[in-house]
N, C-alpha and C. Protein backbone atom coordinates (compact mmCIF):
# COMPACT_ATOMS: atom_id res chain seq x y z
N MET A 1 26.60 23.27 13.72
CA MET A 1 25.23 23.73 13.67
C MET A 1 24.57 23.36 12.35
N LYS A 2 25.34 23.48 11.26
CA LYS A 2 24.80 23.12 9.94
C LYS A 2 24.45 21.64 9.87
N LYS A 3 25.28 20.82 10.49
CA LYS A 3 25.03 19.38 10.48
C LYS A 3 23.72 19.05 11.19
N ILE A 4 23.46 19.72 12.28
CA ILE A 4 22.23 19.49 13.04
C ILE A 4 21.01 19.89 12.21
N LEU A 5 21.11 21.03 11.54
CA LEU A 5 20.00 21.49 10.68
C LEU A 5 19.74 20.51 9.52
N ILE A 6 20.79 19.99 8.94
CA ILE A 6 20.66 19.03 7.84
C ILE A 6 20.00 17.74 8.35
N ILE A 7 20.42 17.28 9.50
CA ILE A 7 19.84 16.06 10.07
C ILE A 7 18.37 16.26 10.40
N VAL A 8 18.02 17.38 11.01
CA VAL A 8 16.63 17.68 11.35
C VAL A 8 15.78 17.78 10.07
N ALA A 9 16.30 18.45 9.06
CA ALA A 9 15.57 18.58 7.79
C ALA A 9 15.36 17.22 7.14
N ALA A 10 16.37 16.36 7.18
CA ALA A 10 16.25 15.03 6.60
C ALA A 10 15.21 14.19 7.34
N LEU A 11 15.19 14.30 8.65
CA LEU A 11 14.20 13.55 9.44
C LEU A 11 12.78 14.03 9.16
N ILE A 12 12.59 15.33 9.07
CA ILE A 12 11.26 15.87 8.77
C ILE A 12 10.83 15.46 7.38
N PHE A 13 11.72 15.59 6.42
CA PHE A 13 11.40 15.20 5.04
C PHE A 13 11.09 13.72 4.96
N GLY A 14 11.85 12.90 5.66
CA GLY A 14 11.64 11.45 5.66
C GLY A 14 10.30 11.06 6.25
N CYS A 15 9.86 11.78 7.26
CA CYS A 15 8.57 11.49 7.88
C CYS A 15 7.41 11.77 6.93
N PHE A 16 7.55 12.81 6.11
CA PHE A 16 6.47 13.14 5.18
C PHE A 16 6.48 12.28 3.94
N CYS A 17 7.64 11.78 3.56
CA CYS A 17 7.75 11.00 2.33
C CYS A 17 7.52 9.51 2.55
N ALA A 18 7.95 8.99 3.66
CA ALA A 18 7.84 7.56 3.91
C ALA A 18 6.44 7.24 4.43
N LYS A 19 5.61 6.75 3.56
CA LYS A 19 4.25 6.43 3.95
C LYS A 19 4.14 4.91 4.09
N ALA A 20 3.83 4.47 5.26
CA ALA A 20 3.66 3.05 5.50
C ALA A 20 2.40 2.57 4.81
N GLN A 21 2.42 1.40 4.28
CA GLN A 21 1.26 0.85 3.61
C GLN A 21 0.41 0.07 4.62
N THR A 22 -0.15 0.83 5.54
CA THR A 22 -1.12 0.26 6.46
C THR A 22 -2.48 0.47 5.81
N VAL A 23 -3.20 -0.61 5.64
CA VAL A 23 -4.48 -0.54 4.93
C VAL A 23 -5.61 -1.08 5.79
N TYR A 24 -6.79 -0.57 5.51
CA TYR A 24 -8.00 -1.03 6.18
C TYR A 24 -8.98 -1.44 5.09
N SER A 25 -9.52 -2.62 5.22
CA SER A 25 -10.49 -3.13 4.26
C SER A 25 -11.90 -2.72 4.69
N CYS A 26 -12.51 -1.85 3.90
CA CYS A 26 -13.84 -1.31 4.20
C CYS A 26 -14.95 -2.27 3.80
N LYS A 27 -16.06 -2.18 4.49
CA LYS A 27 -17.25 -2.97 4.17
C LYS A 27 -17.99 -2.40 2.97
N TYR A 28 -17.90 -1.08 2.81
CA TYR A 28 -18.66 -0.39 1.77
C TYR A 28 -17.73 0.33 0.81
N LYS A 29 -18.05 0.23 -0.46
CA LYS A 29 -17.24 0.85 -1.52
C LYS A 29 -17.10 2.35 -1.32
N SER A 30 -18.15 2.99 -0.85
CA SER A 30 -18.14 4.45 -0.68
C SER A 30 -17.19 4.92 0.43
N ASP A 31 -16.81 4.03 1.32
CA ASP A 31 -15.90 4.38 2.42
C ASP A 31 -14.42 4.28 2.02
N ALA A 32 -14.15 3.68 0.88
CA ALA A 32 -12.77 3.39 0.48
C ALA A 32 -12.20 4.44 -0.47
N LYS A 33 -10.89 4.64 -0.35
CA LYS A 33 -10.17 5.53 -1.28
C LYS A 33 -9.77 4.78 -2.55
N VAL A 34 -9.47 3.48 -2.41
CA VAL A 34 -8.99 2.70 -3.54
C VAL A 34 -9.79 1.41 -3.65
N LYS A 35 -10.24 1.12 -4.89
CA LYS A 35 -10.95 -0.14 -5.15
C LYS A 35 -9.93 -1.13 -5.71
N VAL A 36 -9.93 -2.33 -5.13
CA VAL A 36 -8.91 -3.33 -5.43
C VAL A 36 -9.55 -4.62 -5.91
N TYR A 37 -8.96 -5.19 -6.95
CA TYR A 37 -9.36 -6.51 -7.43
C TYR A 37 -8.20 -7.46 -7.22
N VAL A 38 -8.48 -8.63 -6.68
CA VAL A 38 -7.44 -9.64 -6.45
C VAL A 38 -7.48 -10.65 -7.59
N THR A 39 -6.38 -10.78 -8.30
CA THR A 39 -6.27 -11.71 -9.41
C THR A 39 -5.60 -13.01 -8.97
N LYS A 40 -5.87 -14.07 -9.71
CA LYS A 40 -5.26 -15.37 -9.42
C LYS A 40 -3.87 -15.50 -10.04
N TYR A 41 -3.57 -14.58 -10.97
CA TYR A 41 -2.33 -14.69 -11.72
C TYR A 41 -1.43 -13.47 -11.50
N LYS A 42 -0.21 -13.74 -11.13
CA LYS A 42 0.77 -12.68 -10.87
C LYS A 42 0.99 -11.80 -12.10
N SER A 43 0.93 -12.39 -13.27
CA SER A 43 1.17 -11.64 -14.50
C SER A 43 0.08 -10.62 -14.81
N ASP A 44 -1.10 -10.78 -14.23
CA ASP A 44 -2.22 -9.84 -14.45
C ASP A 44 -2.20 -8.66 -13.48
N ALA A 45 -1.35 -8.70 -12.49
CA ALA A 45 -1.38 -7.72 -11.40
C ALA A 45 -0.65 -6.41 -11.74
N ASP A 46 -1.20 -5.33 -11.21
CA ASP A 46 -0.51 -4.04 -11.22
C ASP A 46 0.48 -3.99 -10.07
N LEU A 47 0.11 -4.66 -8.98
CA LEU A 47 0.91 -4.66 -7.76
C LEU A 47 0.89 -6.05 -7.14
N VAL A 48 2.07 -6.54 -6.80
CA VAL A 48 2.20 -7.80 -6.06
C VAL A 48 2.33 -7.42 -4.59
N VAL A 49 1.42 -7.97 -3.77
CA VAL A 49 1.32 -7.58 -2.36
C VAL A 49 1.72 -8.72 -1.44
N TYR A 50 2.53 -8.36 -0.46
CA TYR A 50 2.89 -9.29 0.62
C TYR A 50 2.24 -8.78 1.90
N ARG A 51 1.50 -9.63 2.59
CA ARG A 51 0.87 -9.25 3.86
C ARG A 51 1.87 -9.37 4.99
N CYS A 52 2.18 -8.26 5.60
CA CYS A 52 3.14 -8.23 6.70
C CYS A 52 2.47 -8.63 8.01
N LYS A 53 3.21 -9.29 8.85
CA LYS A 53 2.70 -9.68 10.17
C LYS A 53 2.80 -8.52 11.17
N TYR A 54 3.75 -7.61 10.91
CA TYR A 54 3.99 -6.50 11.82
C TYR A 54 3.88 -5.18 11.08
N LYS A 55 3.29 -4.21 11.74
CA LYS A 55 3.10 -2.88 11.15
C LYS A 55 4.43 -2.26 10.73
N SER A 56 5.45 -2.48 11.51
CA SER A 56 6.76 -1.89 11.23
C SER A 56 7.40 -2.42 9.95
N ASP A 57 6.95 -3.57 9.46
CA ASP A 57 7.48 -4.14 8.22
C ASP A 57 6.88 -3.52 6.97
N ALA A 58 5.77 -2.83 7.12
CA ALA A 58 5.05 -2.27 5.97
C ALA A 58 5.51 -0.85 5.71
N GLN A 59 6.66 -0.72 5.10
CA GLN A 59 7.25 0.60 4.85
C GLN A 59 7.27 0.92 3.36
N GLY A 60 6.98 2.17 3.04
CA GLY A 60 7.05 2.63 1.67
C GLY A 60 5.90 2.12 0.82
N ASN A 61 5.93 2.47 -0.43
CA ASN A 61 4.89 2.08 -1.38
C ASN A 61 5.45 0.95 -2.25
N LYS A 62 5.74 -0.17 -1.60
CA LYS A 62 6.42 -1.28 -2.27
C LYS A 62 5.61 -2.57 -2.29
N GLY A 63 4.35 -2.49 -1.90
CA GLY A 63 3.53 -3.70 -1.89
C GLY A 63 3.61 -4.48 -0.59
N LEU A 64 4.17 -3.88 0.44
CA LEU A 64 4.24 -4.51 1.76
C LEU A 64 3.10 -3.92 2.58
N TRP A 65 2.03 -4.68 2.72
CA TRP A 65 0.82 -4.18 3.38
C TRP A 65 0.62 -4.80 4.74
N TYR A 66 0.18 -3.97 5.65
CA TYR A 66 -0.25 -4.42 6.97
C TYR A 66 -1.71 -4.03 7.12
N PHE A 67 -2.57 -5.01 7.36
CA PHE A 67 -3.99 -4.75 7.51
C PHE A 67 -4.32 -4.39 8.96
N THR A 68 -4.89 -3.21 9.14
CA THR A 68 -5.24 -2.74 10.48
C THR A 68 -6.66 -3.17 10.84
N ASP A 69 -6.94 -3.19 12.12
CA ASP A 69 -8.27 -3.53 12.60
C ASP A 69 -9.20 -2.32 12.63
N TYR A 70 -8.58 -1.14 12.60
CA TYR A 70 -9.37 0.10 12.69
C TYR A 70 -9.04 1.04 11.54
N LYS A 71 -10.06 1.65 11.01
CA LYS A 71 -9.92 2.57 9.89
C LYS A 71 -8.99 3.73 10.23
N SER A 72 -9.08 4.21 11.45
CA SER A 72 -8.27 5.36 11.88
C SER A 72 -6.77 5.06 11.94
N ASP A 73 -6.40 3.78 12.00
CA ASP A 73 -4.99 3.40 12.04
C ASP A 73 -4.37 3.23 10.66
N ALA A 74 -5.18 3.28 9.63
CA ALA A 74 -4.71 3.00 8.27
C ALA A 74 -4.33 4.27 7.51
N LYS A 75 -3.35 4.13 6.63
CA LYS A 75 -2.98 5.22 5.72
C LYS A 75 -3.88 5.19 4.49
N LYS A 76 -4.34 4.00 4.11
CA LYS A 76 -5.22 3.85 2.94
C LYS A 76 -6.40 2.95 3.30
N THR A 77 -7.56 3.33 2.79
CA THR A 77 -8.74 2.49 2.93
C THR A 77 -9.02 1.87 1.58
N ILE A 78 -9.25 0.56 1.59
CA ILE A 78 -9.48 -0.15 0.33
C ILE A 78 -10.79 -0.92 0.39
N TYR A 79 -11.30 -1.22 -0.79
CA TYR A 79 -12.50 -2.04 -0.91
C TYR A 79 -12.22 -3.08 -1.98
N PHE A 80 -12.46 -4.34 -1.66
CA PHE A 80 -12.23 -5.42 -2.62
C PHE A 80 -13.47 -5.58 -3.51
N VAL A 81 -13.27 -5.37 -4.81
CA VAL A 81 -14.36 -5.49 -5.78
C VAL A 81 -14.38 -6.88 -6.38
N ASP A 82 -15.53 -7.24 -6.95
CA ASP A 82 -15.71 -8.57 -7.54
C ASP A 82 -15.28 -8.64 -9.00
N TYR A 83 -15.19 -7.48 -9.64
CA TYR A 83 -14.86 -7.45 -11.07
C TYR A 83 -13.66 -6.57 -11.34
N LYS A 84 -12.77 -7.07 -12.18
CA LYS A 84 -11.55 -6.36 -12.53
C LYS A 84 -11.84 -4.98 -13.12
N SER A 85 -12.91 -4.87 -13.88
CA SER A 85 -13.26 -3.60 -14.53
C SER A 85 -13.67 -2.51 -13.53
N ASP A 86 -14.04 -2.89 -12.32
CA ASP A 86 -14.43 -1.93 -11.28
C ASP A 86 -13.25 -1.44 -10.45
N ALA A 87 -12.09 -2.02 -10.64
CA ALA A 87 -10.94 -1.77 -9.77
C ALA A 87 -10.09 -0.58 -10.22
N ASP A 88 -9.51 0.08 -9.22
CA ASP A 88 -8.50 1.10 -9.47
C ASP A 88 -7.15 0.43 -9.70
N ILE A 89 -6.89 -0.62 -8.90
CA ILE A 89 -5.66 -1.41 -9.09
C ILE A 89 -5.98 -2.89 -8.96
N VAL A 90 -5.19 -3.69 -9.65
CA VAL A 90 -5.31 -5.15 -9.60
C VAL A 90 -4.10 -5.66 -8.83
N ILE A 91 -4.37 -6.48 -7.81
CA ILE A 91 -3.27 -6.99 -6.99
C ILE A 91 -3.23 -8.51 -7.00
N TYR A 92 -2.08 -9.02 -6.65
CA TYR A 92 -1.85 -10.45 -6.47
C TYR A 92 -1.17 -10.61 -5.12
N PHE A 93 -1.72 -11.47 -4.27
CA PHE A 93 -1.10 -11.73 -2.97
C PHE A 93 -0.04 -12.81 -3.12
N THR A 94 1.15 -12.51 -2.62
CA THR A 94 2.26 -13.45 -2.68
C THR A 94 2.62 -13.93 -1.28
N ASP A 95 3.27 -15.07 -1.21
CA ASP A 95 3.73 -15.62 0.06
C ASP A 95 5.17 -15.21 0.38
N TYR A 96 5.79 -14.50 -0.57
CA TYR A 96 7.20 -14.14 -0.41
C TYR A 96 7.39 -12.63 -0.43
N LYS A 97 8.01 -12.11 0.59
CA LYS A 97 8.25 -10.68 0.72
C LYS A 97 9.06 -10.13 -0.45
N SER A 98 10.00 -10.91 -0.93
CA SER A 98 10.87 -10.47 -2.03
C SER A 98 10.13 -10.31 -3.36
N ASP A 99 8.96 -10.90 -3.49
CA ASP A 99 8.18 -10.79 -4.73
C ASP A 99 7.36 -9.50 -4.79
N ALA A 100 7.18 -8.85 -3.66
CA ALA A 100 6.31 -7.66 -3.59
C ALA A 100 6.88 -6.52 -4.42
N GLY A 101 5.95 -5.78 -5.04
CA GLY A 101 6.37 -4.60 -5.80
C GLY A 101 5.41 -4.29 -6.93
N TRP A 102 5.63 -3.14 -7.52
CA TRP A 102 4.77 -2.66 -8.60
C TRP A 102 5.18 -3.27 -9.93
N LYS A 103 4.20 -3.73 -10.66
CA LYS A 103 4.40 -4.23 -12.03
C LYS A 103 3.97 -3.16 -13.03
N ASN A 104 3.00 -2.33 -12.63
CA ASN A 104 2.48 -1.25 -13.46
C ASN A 104 2.72 0.07 -12.73
N LYS A 105 3.84 0.70 -13.02
CA LYS A 105 4.26 1.91 -12.30
C LYS A 105 3.29 3.08 -12.52
N SER A 106 2.48 3.05 -13.57
CA SER A 106 1.56 4.16 -13.84
C SER A 106 0.44 4.25 -12.81
N LYS A 107 0.22 3.20 -12.04
CA LYS A 107 -0.83 3.21 -11.02
C LYS A 107 -0.27 3.36 -9.61
N GLU A 108 1.00 3.54 -9.51
CA GLU A 108 1.68 3.65 -8.21
C GLU A 108 1.15 4.81 -7.37
N HIS A 109 0.74 5.89 -8.00
CA HIS A 109 0.26 7.07 -7.29
C HIS A 109 -1.05 6.81 -6.52
N LYS A 110 -1.78 5.79 -6.87
CA LYS A 110 -3.06 5.49 -6.21
C LYS A 110 -2.88 5.05 -4.76
N MET A 111 -1.71 4.57 -4.43
CA MET A 111 -1.46 4.11 -3.05
C MET A 111 -0.63 5.10 -2.23
N TYR A 112 -0.39 6.29 -2.77
CA TYR A 112 0.31 7.32 -1.98
C TYR A 112 -0.68 8.08 -1.15
């Protein structure tokens, strides 16, 4: 009985802690929770982002993003700004899943 309770507790805790990085790109800044600037240089980024082809691949807060077609399907709404000074986080898009991750851990909370 104890084993069942531990398993159930772990599953419930895991569901609340594991937040998929499904994002929706808003048309208007006021609709977004996070303002994002895309840099040309990986060294300037707070977060290196890999665009996943499948929603199931975008797990955790590790820079694995899946862009949804609908705002209601997303865990985070973002708006791409034109100037770095307007951004909450600076990202760099990578072609390699293994490169994804946080470079500036102090801003990690913005995507939770």
